[in-house]
Amino acid sequence: MGEEVERQGEEEEVRLLFAGTDEIAVPTLEALASQKLVGAVLTTPDAPGKRGSVLLPSPVKAAAGRLGLPVLQPDRLGSEARKQVSQLGCDVLLSFCYGKIFGPKFLSLFPLKFNIHPSLLPHHRGCSPIQAAILGQDRKTGISIQDIALAIDEGDIYITQSFELDGTETTASLCERVSKLAPALALNLLEGLDVYKPRRQLDIPADYTGFIKKEDGRLDFTGSAAQLHAQVRACYPWPKAHCLLDGSPISITSVYGSVFDLPDEECAEEPGTVVAHVKGKGLKVATGHGYLYINGLQAPTKKEMDSASFINGRRGDMGRLFS
């Protein structure tokens, strides 16, 4: 996919505190642990699962348990947490999708402190860079390892890797790709700490991302096919794009093709109208500009299904309206 890596490096042993929570960070933790670089793991407290009755460990905590690493799970990074961390003897903090903000007193515990961020900074600073790259229909994104600054994602850059996007990525697939690329990038940096020099982020306007909310999945078919295509993919697997089909709730879980290949065309039908079912593509739906092919749907309390299964026995759906 035309990957570009800025790399140098000589080996230097470190002992680090790995701060992470989400599944995307697990392969990096495993790679660092295999090189005996991790002194301990910092992650968020156990949280309720989907059914809400049982507290579950974060993916990073579960991985740390398998690896036999000590785990800290403070509610807040106050004085008690700082005391525990200072006793670990770690000289490097490496954060990857941890989920909490580090204050100046906590950061002062570490001579070196790095954050792995899945974008090409200063683009898509903040907490949802992967979704932002999809929503923005970016042609390229990447991974940056930066110094942890007090302001959000404004730290100097140590190492980056960029890669092209093909316009079919979902948040799930792009997270998986980043999770596979990040371990080598982190090892390159940690093995070459005497070689890599921090550099200021490019002097171009930064853009910031916020938390993804349930309502961010609500579809408006008066928008363009390209906007809706990107929204469906950015909202998968959560919160899943959703709308109404003739007044009944429905989730749209996948769309056909690449957003970069959508034709520039006008629609004669009212936005949201189901025009046809096209074999191999899905439900052809009119939008405010262009046609969107929906090939994955999910009714409430039902499993996801492809468009052919969804319309089986429902030929009357032609002409119905997504809204």
C-alpha atoms as a PDB file:
ATOM      1  CA  MET A   1       0.000   0.000   0.000  1.00  0.00           C
ATOM      2  CA  GLY A   2       2.956   2.335  -0.439  1.00  0.00           C
ATOM      3  CA  GLU A   3       4.097   2.512   3.170  1.00  0.00           C
ATOM      4  CA  GLU A   4       6.685   5.114   4.161  1.00  0.00           C
ATOM      5  CA  VAL A   5       8.681   4.658   7.334  1.00  0.00           C
ATOM      6  CA  GLU A   6      11.112   7.088   8.921  1.00  0.00           C
ATOM      7  CA  ARG A   7      13.481   4.861  10.824  1.00  0.00           C
ATOM      8  CA  GLN A   8      16.951   4.683  12.276  1.00  0.00           C
ATOM      9  CA  GLY A   9      18.089   3.236  15.513  1.00  0.00           C
ATOM     10  CA  GLU A  10      20.498   1.454  17.743  1.00  0.00           C
ATOM     11  CA  GLU A  11      19.494  -0.829  20.548  1.00  0.00           C
ATOM     12  CA  GLU A  12      19.150   0.606  24.056  1.00  0.00           C
ATOM     13  CA  GLU A  13      17.508  -1.165  26.972  1.00  0.00           C
ATOM     14  CA  VAL A  14      14.683   0.606  28.757  1.00  0.00           C
ATOM     15  CA  ARG A  15      12.152  -0.194  31.456  1.00  0.00           C
ATOM     16  CA  LEU A  16       8.775   1.276  30.769  1.00  0.00           C
ATOM     17  CA  LEU A  17       5.308   1.726  32.154  1.00  0.00           C
ATOM     18  CA  PHE A  18       2.846   0.807  29.413  1.00  0.00           C
ATOM     19  CA  ALA A  19      -0.418   2.764  29.645  1.00  0.00           C
ATOM     20  CA  GLY A  20      -3.225   1.397  27.500  1.00  0.00           C
ATOM     21  CA  THR A  21      -6.790   0.161  27.560  1.00  0.00           C
ATOM     22  CA  ASP A  22      -8.256  -0.790  24.188  1.00  0.00           C
ATOM     23  CA  GLU A  23      -7.697  -3.857  21.993  1.00  0.00           C
ATOM     24  CA  ILE A  24      -5.709  -1.801  19.475  1.00  0.00           C
ATOM     25  CA  ALA A  25      -2.857  -1.525  22.013  1.00  0.00           C
ATOM     26  CA  VAL A  26      -2.547  -5.224  22.865  1.00  0.00           C
ATOM     27  CA  PRO A  27      -0.128  -6.286  20.074  1.00  0.00           C
ATOM     28  CA  THR A  28       2.225  -3.452  21.025  1.00  0.00           C
ATOM     29  CA  LEU A  29       2.182  -4.504  24.679  1.00  0.00           C
ATOM     30  CA  GLU A  30       2.888  -8.101  23.660  1.00  0.00           C
ATOM     31  CA  ALA A  31       5.804  -7.081  21.433  1.00  0.00           C
ATOM     32  CA  LEU A  32       7.391  -4.906  24.109  1.00  0.00           C
ATOM     33  CA  ALA A  33       6.904  -7.568  26.764  1.00  0.00           C
ATOM     34  CA  SER A  34       8.596 -10.147  24.541  1.00  0.00           C
ATOM     35  CA  GLN A  35      11.701  -7.935  24.620  1.00  0.00           C
ATOM     36  CA  LYS A  36      11.558  -7.613  28.434  1.00  0.00           C
ATOM     37  CA  LEU A  37      10.947  -3.862  28.211  1.00  0.00           C
ATOM     38  CA  VAL A  38       7.749  -3.582  30.269  1.00  0.00           C
ATOM     39  CA  GLY A  39       7.996  -3.064  34.002  1.00  0.00           C
ATOM     40  CA  ALA A  40       4.275  -2.668  34.628  1.00  0.00           C
ATOM     41  CA  VAL A  41       0.980  -1.849  32.953  1.00  0.00           C
ATOM     42  CA  LEU A  42      -1.344   1.067  33.686  1.00  0.00           C
ATOM     43  CA  THR A  43      -4.933   0.652  32.519  1.00  0.00           C
ATOM     44  CA  THR A  44      -8.434   1.824  33.360  1.00  0.00           C
ATOM     45  CA  PRO A  45     -10.584   0.182  36.059  1.00  0.00           C
ATOM     46  CA  ASP A  46     -12.762  -2.786  35.151  1.00  0.00           C
ATOM     47  CA  ALA A  47     -16.006  -1.643  33.537  1.00  0.00           C
ATOM     48  CA  PRO A  48     -19.469  -3.141  32.957  1.00  0.00           C
ATOM     49  CA  GLY A  49     -19.812  -5.318  29.872  1.00  0.00           C
ATOM     50  CA  LYS A  50     -22.589  -5.112  27.295  1.00  0.00           C
ATOM     51  CA  ARG A  51     -25.131  -6.591  29.685  1.00  0.00           C
ATOM     52  CA  GLY A  52     -24.018  -4.237  32.438  1.00  0.00           C
ATOM     53  CA  SER A  53     -24.096  -6.665  35.363  1.00  0.00           C
ATOM     54  CA  VAL A  54     -20.517  -7.956  35.435  1.00  0.00           C
ATOM     55  CA  LEU A  55     -17.349  -5.876  35.567  1.00  0.00           C
ATOM     56  CA  LEU A  56     -14.876  -6.852  32.854  1.00  0.00           C
ATOM     57  CA  PRO A  57     -11.147  -6.123  32.540  1.00  0.00           C
ATOM     58  CA  SER A  58      -9.891  -3.987  29.698  1.00  0.00           C
ATOM     59  CA  PRO A  59      -8.267  -5.887  26.799  1.00  0.00           C
ATOM     60  CA  VAL A  60      -4.893  -4.527  27.924  1.00  0.00           C
ATOM     61  CA  LYS A  61      -5.399  -5.773  31.491  1.00  0.00           C
ATOM     62  CA  ALA A  62      -6.362  -9.210  30.194  1.00  0.00           C
ATOM     63  CA  ALA A  63      -3.214  -9.296  28.048  1.00  0.00           C
ATOM     64  CA  ALA A  64      -1.042  -8.148  30.962  1.00  0.00           C
ATOM     65  CA  GLY A  65      -2.445 -11.008  33.045  1.00  0.00           C
ATOM     66  CA  ARG A  66      -1.501 -13.533  30.338  1.00  0.00           C
ATOM     67  CA  LEU A  67       1.982 -12.004  30.198  1.00  0.00           C
ATOM     68  CA  GLY A  68       2.466 -12.038  33.989  1.00  0.00           C
ATOM     69  CA  LEU A  69       2.898  -8.270  34.243  1.00  0.00           C
ATOM     70  CA  PRO A  70       1.880  -6.210  37.289  1.00  0.00           C
ATOM     71  CA  VAL A  71      -1.167  -4.016  36.647  1.00  0.00           C
ATOM     72  CA  LEU A  72      -2.244  -0.670  38.120  1.00  0.00           C
ATOM     73  CA  GLN A  73      -5.861   0.502  37.697  1.00  0.00           C
ATOM     74  CA  PRO A  74      -6.319   3.796  39.558  1.00  0.00           C
ATOM     75  CA  ASP A  75      -9.572   5.714  39.177  1.00  0.00           C
ATOM     76  CA  ARG A  76      -7.534   8.897  38.987  1.00  0.00           C
ATOM     77  CA  LEU A  77      -3.869   9.720  38.594  1.00  0.00           C
ATOM     78  CA  GLY A  78      -3.604  11.502  41.920  1.00  0.00           C
ATOM     79  CA  SER A  79      -1.020  11.332  44.706  1.00  0.00           C
ATOM     80  CA  GLU A  80      -1.691   7.692  45.613  1.00  0.00           C
ATOM     81  CA  ALA A  81      -1.340   6.588  41.985  1.00  0.00           C
ATOM     82  CA  ARG A  82       1.844   8.635  41.602  1.00  0.00           C
ATOM     83  CA  LYS A  83       3.286   7.007  44.723  1.00  0.00           C
ATOM     84  CA  GLN A  84       2.598   3.531  43.341  1.00  0.00           C
ATOM     85  CA  VAL A  85       4.099   4.400  39.978  1.00  0.00           C
ATOM     86  CA  SER A  86       7.226   6.001  41.468  1.00  0.00           C
ATOM     87  CA  GLN A  87       7.971   2.745  43.306  1.00  0.00           C
ATOM     88  CA  LEU A  88       8.089   0.803  40.034  1.00  0.00           C
ATOM     89  CA  GLY A  89      11.394   2.272  38.888  1.00  0.00           C
ATOM     90  CA  CYS A  90      10.232   2.810  35.309  1.00  0.00           C
ATOM     91  CA  ASP A  91      12.106   5.484  33.366  1.00  0.00           C
ATOM     92  CA  VAL A  92       9.832   5.590  30.299  1.00  0.00           C
ATOM     93  CA  LEU A  93       6.085   6.085  29.938  1.00  0.00           C
ATOM     94  CA  LEU A  94       4.555   4.726  26.737  1.00  0.00           C
ATOM     95  CA  SER A  95       0.851   5.406  26.229  1.00  0.00           C
ATOM     96  CA  PHE A  96      -1.418   3.938  23.550  1.00  0.00           C
ATOM     97  CA  CYS A  97      -5.187   4.487  23.764  1.00  0.00           C
ATOM     98  CA  TYR A  98      -5.124   4.714  27.553  1.00  0.00           C
ATOM     99  CA  GLY A  99      -8.168   6.962  27.905  1.00  0.00           C
ATOM    100  CA  LYS A 100      -7.099   9.327  30.695  1.00  0.00           C
ATOM    101  CA  ILE A 101      -5.215  12.635  30.623  1.00  0.00           C
ATOM    102  CA  PHE A 102      -1.783  12.793  32.280  1.00  0.00           C
ATOM    103  CA  GLY A 103      -1.187  15.799  34.513  1.00  0.00           C
ATOM    104  CA  PRO A 104       2.176  17.557  34.969  1.00  0.00           C
ATOM    105  CA  LYS A 105       2.934  15.881  38.321  1.00  0.00           C
ATOM    106  CA  PHE A 106       2.396  12.428  36.845  1.00  0.00           C
ATOM    107  CA  LEU A 107       4.478  13.182  33.750  1.00  0.00           C
ATOM    108  CA  SER A 108       7.314  14.499  35.920  1.00  0.00           C
ATOM    109  CA  LEU A 109       7.897  10.922  37.129  1.00  0.00           C
ATOM    110  CA  PHE A 110       9.394   9.955  33.750  1.00  0.00           C
ATOM    111  CA  PRO A 111      12.490  11.259  31.970  1.00  0.00           C
ATOM    112  CA  LEU A 112      10.945  10.043  28.704  1.00  0.00           C
ATOM    113  CA  LYS A 113       7.254   9.890  27.858  1.00  0.00           C
ATOM    114  CA  PHE A 114       5.753   8.844  24.519  1.00  0.00           C
ATOM    115  CA  ASN A 115       2.291   8.512  23.061  1.00  0.00           C
ATOM    116  CA  ILE A 116       1.315   6.376  20.062  1.00  0.00           C
ATOM    117  CA  HIS A 117      -1.340   8.238  18.083  1.00  0.00           C
ATOM    118  CA  PRO A 118      -3.066   6.715  15.009  1.00  0.00           C
ATOM    119  CA  SER A 119      -2.899   9.702  12.675  1.00  0.00           C
ATOM    120  CA  LEU A 120      -0.357  11.854  10.909  1.00  0.00           C
ATOM    121  CA  LEU A 121      -0.155  14.695  13.387  1.00  0.00           C
ATOM    122  CA  PRO A 122      -1.172  17.502  13.492  1.00  0.00           C
ATOM    123  CA  HIS A 123      -4.095  16.003  11.572  1.00  0.00           C
ATOM    124  CA  HIS A 124      -6.817  14.442  13.712  1.00  0.00           C
ATOM    125  CA  ARG A 125      -5.603  15.231  17.195  1.00  0.00           C
ATOM    126  CA  GLY A 126      -7.840  13.952  19.971  1.00  0.00           C
ATOM    127  CA  CYS A 127      -9.681  10.761  20.833  1.00  0.00           C
ATOM    128  CA  SER A 128     -11.170   9.511  17.539  1.00  0.00           C
ATOM    129  CA  PRO A 129      -8.543   9.921  14.811  1.00  0.00           C
ATOM    130  CA  ILE A 130      -9.378   6.659  13.058  1.00  0.00           C
ATOM    131  CA  GLN A 131     -13.044   7.548  12.663  1.00  0.00           C
ATOM    132  CA  ALA A 132     -12.051  11.061  11.575  1.00  0.00           C
ATOM    133  CA  ALA A 133      -9.818   9.756   8.776  1.00  0.00           C
ATOM    134  CA  ILE A 134     -12.715   7.684   7.424  1.00  0.00           C
ATOM    135  CA  LEU A 135     -15.290  10.459   7.803  1.00  0.00           C
ATOM    136  CA  GLY A 136     -12.910  12.902   6.124  1.00  0.00           C
ATOM    137  CA  GLN A 137     -12.459  10.518   3.182  1.00  0.00           C
ATOM    138  CA  ASP A 138      -8.699  10.826   3.640  1.00  0.00           C
ATOM    139  CA  ARG A 139      -6.490   9.234   1.011  1.00  0.00           C
ATOM    140  CA  LYS A 140      -3.708   8.640   3.524  1.00  0.00           C
ATOM    141  CA  THR A 141      -3.296   8.298   7.264  1.00  0.00           C
ATOM    142  CA  GLY A 142      -0.711   6.807   9.575  1.00  0.00           C
ATOM    143  CA  ILE A 143       0.791   6.510  13.040  1.00  0.00           C
ATOM    144  CA  SER A 144       2.785   9.092  14.993  1.00  0.00           C
ATOM    145  CA  ILE A 145       4.813   8.539  18.139  1.00  0.00           C
ATOM    146  CA  GLN A 146       5.072  11.845  19.952  1.00  0.00           C
ATOM    147  CA  ASP A 147       6.314  13.324  23.170  1.00  0.00           C
ATOM    148  CA  ILE A 148       3.459  13.651  25.664  1.00  0.00           C
ATOM    149  CA  ALA A 149       2.705  17.345  26.103  1.00  0.00           C
ATOM    150  CA  LEU A 150       0.189  18.925  28.465  1.00  0.00           C
ATOM    151  CA  ALA A 151      -1.924  20.130  25.538  1.00  0.00           C
ATOM    152  CA  ILE A 152      -3.773  17.446  23.563  1.00  0.00           C
ATOM    153  CA  ASP A 153      -1.491  15.732  21.032  1.00  0.00           C
ATOM    154  CA  GLU A 154       0.726  18.794  20.611  1.00  0.00           C
ATOM    155  CA  GLY A 155       3.976  17.059  21.562  1.00  0.00           C
ATOM    156  CA  ASP A 156       7.021  16.865  19.312  1.00  0.00           C
ATOM    157  CA  ILE A 157       7.181  13.936  16.889  1.00  0.00           C
ATOM    158  CA  TYR A 158       9.812  11.195  17.151  1.00  0.00           C
ATOM    159  CA  ILE A 159       8.773   8.743  14.461  1.00  0.00           C
ATOM    160  CA  THR A 160       5.950   8.339  11.936  1.00  0.00           C
ATOM    161  CA  GLN A 161       4.628   5.802   9.475  1.00  0.00           C
ATOM    162  CA  SER A 162       2.127   6.647   6.766  1.00  0.00           C
ATOM    163  CA  PHE A 163      -0.014   4.411   4.585  1.00  0.00           C
ATOM    164  CA  GLU A 164      -2.642   4.863   1.913  1.00  0.00           C
ATOM    165  CA  LEU A 165      -6.358   4.222   2.317  1.00  0.00           C
ATOM    166  CA  ASP A 166      -8.531   2.581  -0.338  1.00  0.00           C
ATOM    167  CA  GLY A 167     -11.894   4.006   0.721  1.00  0.00           C
ATOM    168  CA  THR A 168     -13.391   0.751   2.010  1.00  0.00           C
ATOM    169  CA  GLU A 169     -11.962   0.814   5.539  1.00  0.00           C
ATOM    170  CA  THR A 170     -14.176   0.568   8.591  1.00  0.00           C
ATOM    171  CA  THR A 171     -13.159   1.636  12.063  1.00  0.00           C
ATOM    172  CA  ALA A 172     -12.752  -2.063  12.894  1.00  0.00           C
ATOM    173  CA  SER A 173     -10.478  -2.831   9.936  1.00  0.00           C
ATOM    174  CA  LEU A 174      -8.418   0.340  10.304  1.00  0.00           C
ATOM    175  CA  CYS A 175      -7.914  -0.284  14.027  1.00  0.00           C
ATOM    176  CA  GLU A 176      -6.682  -3.766  13.183  1.00  0.00           C
ATOM    177  CA  ARG A 177      -4.242  -2.400  10.633  1.00  0.00           C
ATOM    178  CA  VAL A 178      -2.859   0.162  13.054  1.00  0.00           C
ATOM    179  CA  SER A 179      -2.560  -2.474  15.776  1.00  0.00           C
ATOM    180  CA  LYS A 180      -0.376  -4.603  13.479  1.00  0.00           C
ATOM    181  CA  LEU A 181       1.901  -1.729  12.413  1.00  0.00           C
ATOM    182  CA  ALA A 182       2.380  -0.019  15.776  1.00  0.00           C
ATOM    183  CA  PRO A 183       4.543  -2.679  17.524  1.00  0.00           C
ATOM    184  CA  ALA A 184       7.450  -2.437  15.076  1.00  0.00           C
ATOM    185  CA  LEU A 185       7.289   1.348  15.173  1.00  0.00           C
ATOM    186  CA  ALA A 186       7.437   1.394  18.980  1.00  0.00           C
ATOM    187  CA  LEU A 187      10.342  -1.066  19.055  1.00  0.00           C
ATOM    188  CA  ASN A 188      12.238   0.972  16.464  1.00  0.00           C
ATOM    189  CA  LEU A 189      11.968   4.031  18.660  1.00  0.00           C
ATOM    190  CA  LEU A 190      12.822   2.344  21.953  1.00  0.00           C
ATOM    191  CA  GLU A 191      15.807   0.553  20.439  1.00  0.00           C
ATOM    192  CA  GLY A 192      17.146   3.840  19.043  1.00  0.00           C
ATOM    193  CA  LEU A 193      16.556   6.393  21.754  1.00  0.00           C
ATOM    194  CA  ASP A 194      20.017   7.860  21.230  1.00  0.00           C
ATOM    195  CA  VAL A 195      19.337   8.336  17.515  1.00  0.00           C
ATOM    196  CA  TYR A 196      15.785   9.638  17.191  1.00  0.00           C
ATOM    197  CA  LYS A 197      15.453  13.352  17.782  1.00  0.00           C
ATOM    198  CA  PRO A 198      12.089  15.013  18.432  1.00  0.00           C
ATOM    199  CA  ARG A 199      10.886  17.483  15.836  1.00  0.00           C
ATOM    200  CA  ARG A 200       8.120  20.018  16.005  1.00  0.00           C
ATOM    201  CA  GLN A 201       4.833  19.184  14.350  1.00  0.00           C
ATOM    202  CA  LEU A 202       4.279  20.743  10.947  1.00  0.00           C
ATOM    203  CA  ASP A 203       3.286  24.377  11.094  1.00  0.00           C
ATOM    204  CA  ILE A 204      -0.121  23.825   9.534  1.00  0.00           C
ATOM    205  CA  PRO A 205      -3.596  24.178  11.059  1.00  0.00           C
ATOM    206  CA  ALA A 206      -4.402  21.256  13.364  1.00  0.00           C
ATOM    207  CA  ASP A 207      -7.803  19.609  13.482  1.00  0.00           C
ATOM    208  CA  TYR A 208      -9.309  18.026  16.569  1.00  0.00           C
ATOM    209  CA  THR A 209     -11.568  15.031  17.043  1.00  0.00           C
ATOM    210  CA  GLY A 210     -14.074  14.412  19.821  1.00  0.00           C
ATOM    211  CA  PHE A 211     -15.730  11.422  21.427  1.00  0.00           C
ATOM    212  CA  ILE A 212     -17.956   9.360  19.139  1.00  0.00           C
ATOM    213  CA  LYS A 213     -21.529   9.314  20.445  1.00  0.00           C
ATOM    214  CA  LYS A 214     -24.539   7.137  19.652  1.00  0.00           C
ATOM    215  CA  GLU A 215     -26.201   9.965  17.751  1.00  0.00           C
ATOM    216  CA  ASP A 216     -23.184  10.273  15.445  1.00  0.00           C
ATOM    217  CA  GLY A 217     -24.507   7.158  13.719  1.00  0.00           C
ATOM    218  CA  ARG A 218     -27.805   8.746  12.664  1.00  0.00           C
ATOM    219  CA  LEU A 219     -28.015   8.831   8.865  1.00  0.00           C
ATOM    220  CA  ASP A 220     -29.488  11.709   6.858  1.00  0.00           C
ATOM    221  CA  PHE A 221     -30.133  10.608   3.302  1.00  0.00           C
ATOM    222  CA  THR A 222     -30.327  14.186   2.046  1.00  0.00           C
ATOM    223  CA  GLY A 223     -26.551  14.133   2.346  1.00  0.00           C
ATOM    224  CA  SER A 224     -24.373  12.794  -0.458  1.00  0.00           C
ATOM    225  CA  ALA A 225     -23.693   9.120  -1.128  1.00  0.00           C
ATOM    226  CA  ALA A 226     -20.023   9.763  -0.319  1.00  0.00           C
ATOM    227  CA  GLN A 227     -20.835  11.264   3.089  1.00  0.00           C
ATOM    228  CA  LEU A 228     -23.172   8.408   3.968  1.00  0.00           C
ATOM    229  CA  HIS A 229     -20.696   5.793   2.692  1.00  0.00           C
ATOM    230  CA  ALA A 230     -18.009   7.215   4.990  1.00  0.00           C
ATOM    231  CA  GLN A 231     -20.376   7.524   7.955  1.00  0.00           C
ATOM    232  CA  VAL A 232     -21.493   3.889   7.754  1.00  0.00           C
ATOM    233  CA  ARG A 233     -17.879   2.700   7.727  1.00  0.00           C
ATOM    234  CA  ALA A 234     -16.711   5.068  10.464  1.00  0.00           C
ATOM    235  CA  CYS A 235     -19.547   3.899  12.735  1.00  0.00           C
ATOM    236  CA  TYR A 236     -18.745   0.207  12.429  1.00  0.00           C
ATOM    237  CA  PRO A 237     -18.635  -1.647  14.771  1.00  0.00           C
ATOM    238  CA  TRP A 238     -19.922   1.133  17.075  1.00  0.00           C
ATOM    239  CA  PRO A 239     -22.311   2.915  17.273  1.00  0.00           C
ATOM    240  CA  LYS A 240     -23.420   1.455  13.912  1.00  0.00           C
ATOM    241  CA  ALA A 241     -25.087   3.767  11.438  1.00  0.00           C
ATOM    242  CA  HIS A 242     -28.823   3.820  11.974  1.00  0.00           C
ATOM    243  CA  CYS A 243     -32.008   5.262  10.538  1.00  0.00           C
ATOM    244  CA  LEU A 244     -35.634   4.335   9.938  1.00  0.00           C
ATOM    245  CA  LEU A 245     -37.040   2.164   7.155  1.00  0.00           C
ATOM    246  CA  ASP A 246     -40.629   3.282   6.692  1.00  0.00           C
ATOM    247  CA  GLY A 247     -40.708   4.259  10.348  1.00  0.00           C
ATOM    248  CA  SER A 248     -39.039   1.135  11.783  1.00  0.00           C
ATOM    249  CA  PRO A 249     -35.510   1.298  13.271  1.00  0.00           C
ATOM    250  CA  ILE A 250     -32.745  -0.305  11.227  1.00  0.00           C
ATOM    251  CA  SER A 251     -28.927  -0.312  11.385  1.00  0.00           C
ATOM    252  CA  ILE A 252     -26.807  -0.099   8.244  1.00  0.00           C
ATOM    253  CA  THR A 253     -23.677  -2.161   8.817  1.00  0.00           C
ATOM    254  CA  SER A 254     -21.906  -2.129   5.448  1.00  0.00           C
ATOM    255  CA  VAL A 255     -21.893  -0.478   2.040  1.00  0.00           C
ATOM    256  CA  TYR A 256     -20.559  -1.530  -1.338  1.00  0.00           C
ATOM    257  CA  GLY A 257     -17.305  -0.472  -2.961  1.00  0.00           C
ATOM    258  CA  SER A 258     -14.849   2.345  -2.372  1.00  0.00           C
ATOM    259  CA  VAL A 259     -15.931   5.863  -1.553  1.00  0.00           C
ATOM    260  CA  PHE A 260     -13.296   7.031  -4.024  1.00  0.00           C
ATOM    261  CA  ASP A 261     -15.062   5.261  -6.899  1.00  0.00           C
ATOM    262  CA  LEU A 262     -18.555   6.645  -6.408  1.00  0.00           C
ATOM    263  CA  PRO A 263     -19.832   8.276  -9.620  1.00  0.00           C
ATOM    264  CA  ASP A 264     -20.812  11.942  -9.688  1.00  0.00           C
ATOM    265  CA  GLU A 265     -24.510  11.645 -10.461  1.00  0.00           C
ATOM    266  CA  GLU A 266     -27.848  13.160  -9.567  1.00  0.00           C
ATOM    267  CA  CYS A 267     -30.850  11.138  -8.362  1.00  0.00           C
ATOM    268  CA  ALA A 268     -34.374  11.570  -9.691  1.00  0.00           C
ATOM    269  CA  GLU A 269     -35.918   9.884  -6.662  1.00  0.00           C
ATOM    270  CA  GLU A 270     -36.546  11.294  -3.191  1.00  0.00           C
ATOM    271  CA  PRO A 271     -33.495  10.845  -0.917  1.00  0.00           C
ATOM    272  CA  GLY A 272     -33.744   7.568   0.977  1.00  0.00           C
ATOM    273  CA  THR A 273     -35.831   5.793  -1.662  1.00  0.00           C
ATOM    274  CA  VAL A 274     -34.972   2.104  -2.225  1.00  0.00           C
ATOM    275  CA  VAL A 275     -34.664   2.008  -6.023  1.00  0.00           C
ATOM    276  CA  ALA A 276     -33.604  -1.587  -6.638  1.00  0.00           C
ATOM    277  CA  HIS A 277     -31.661  -4.548  -5.350  1.00  0.00           C
ATOM    278  CA  VAL A 278     -28.566  -5.037  -7.508  1.00  0.00           C
ATOM    279  CA  LYS A 279     -26.932  -8.466  -7.302  1.00  0.00           C
ATOM    280  CA  GLY A 280     -23.414  -8.234  -5.915  1.00  0.00           C
ATOM    281  CA  LYS A 281     -23.890  -4.646  -4.752  1.00  0.00           C
ATOM    282  CA  GLY A 282     -26.952  -4.478  -2.505  1.00  0.00           C
ATOM    283  CA  LEU A 283     -29.886  -2.145  -2.079  1.00  0.00           C
ATOM    284  CA  LYS A 284     -29.590   0.843  -4.398  1.00  0.00           C
ATOM    285  CA  VAL A 285     -30.740   3.864  -2.417  1.00  0.00           C
ATOM    286  CA  ALA A 286     -31.124   7.438  -3.639  1.00  0.00           C
ATOM    287  CA  THR A 287     -29.373  10.170  -1.637  1.00  0.00           C
ATOM    288  CA  GLY A 288     -29.053  13.929  -1.910  1.00  0.00           C
ATOM    289  CA  HIS A 289     -26.316  13.337  -4.475  1.00  0.00           C
ATOM    290  CA  GLY A 290     -25.582   9.925  -5.945  1.00  0.00           C
ATOM    291  CA  TYR A 291     -26.729   6.403  -5.157  1.00  0.00           C
ATOM    292  CA  LEU A 292     -25.586   4.416  -2.120  1.00  0.00           C
ATOM    293  CA  TYR A 293     -25.459   0.619  -2.277  1.00  0.00           C
ATOM    294  CA  ILE A 294     -26.281  -0.892   1.113  1.00  0.00           C
ATOM    295  CA  ASN A 295     -25.166  -4.512   1.484  1.00  0.00           C
ATOM    296  CA  GLY A 296     -25.382  -5.061   5.239  1.00  0.00           C
ATOM    297  CA  LEU A 297     -28.322  -4.405   7.577  1.00  0.00           C
ATOM    298  CA  GLN A 298     -29.441  -5.282  11.078  1.00  0.00           C
ATOM    299  CA  ALA A 299     -32.924  -5.050  12.534  1.00  0.00           C
ATOM    300  CA  PRO A 300     -33.310  -4.524  16.313  1.00  0.00           C
ATOM    301  CA  THR A 301     -32.546  -7.710  18.341  1.00  0.00           C
ATOM    302  CA  LYS A 302     -31.581  -9.517  15.112  1.00  0.00           C
ATOM    303  CA  LYS A 303     -28.219 -10.586  13.686  1.00  0.00           C
ATOM    304  CA  GLU A 304     -26.493  -8.692  10.914  1.00  0.00           C
ATOM    305  CA  MET A 305     -27.443  -9.939   7.450  1.00  0.00           C
ATOM    306  CA  ASP A 306     -26.538  -9.206   3.854  1.00  0.00           C
ATOM    307  CA  SER A 307     -28.956  -7.317   1.647  1.00  0.00           C
ATOM    308  CA  ALA A 308     -30.089 -10.408  -0.255  1.00  0.00           C
ATOM    309  CA  SER A 309     -31.085 -12.156   2.978  1.00  0.00           C
ATOM    310  CA  PHE A 310     -32.752  -8.997   4.236  1.00  0.00           C
ATOM    311  CA  ILE A 311     -35.058  -8.623   1.230  1.00  0.00           C
ATOM    312  CA  ASN A 312     -35.775 -12.336   0.868  1.00  0.00           C
ATOM    313  CA  GLY A 313     -39.550 -12.520   0.903  1.00  0.00           C
ATOM    314  CA  ARG A 314     -39.738  -8.727   1.167  1.00  0.00           C
ATOM    315  CA  ARG A 315     -39.918  -7.657  -2.466  1.00  0.00           C
ATOM    316  CA  GLY A 316     -42.308  -4.952  -1.381  1.00  0.00           C
ATOM    317  CA  ASP A 317     -39.323  -3.071   0.023  1.00  0.00           C
ATOM    318  CA  MET A 318     -38.684  -1.526  -3.387  1.00  0.00           C
ATOM    319  CA  GLY A 319     -39.872   2.050  -3.240  1.00  0.00           C
ATOM    320  CA  ARG A 320     -39.767   2.126   0.565  1.00  0.00           C
ATOM    321  CA  LEU A 321     -37.978   4.967   2.274  1.00  0.00           C
ATOM    322  CA  PHE A 322     -34.925   5.184   4.523  1.00  0.00           C
ATOM    323  CA  SER A 323     -35.181   8.275   6.700  1.00  0.00           C
END
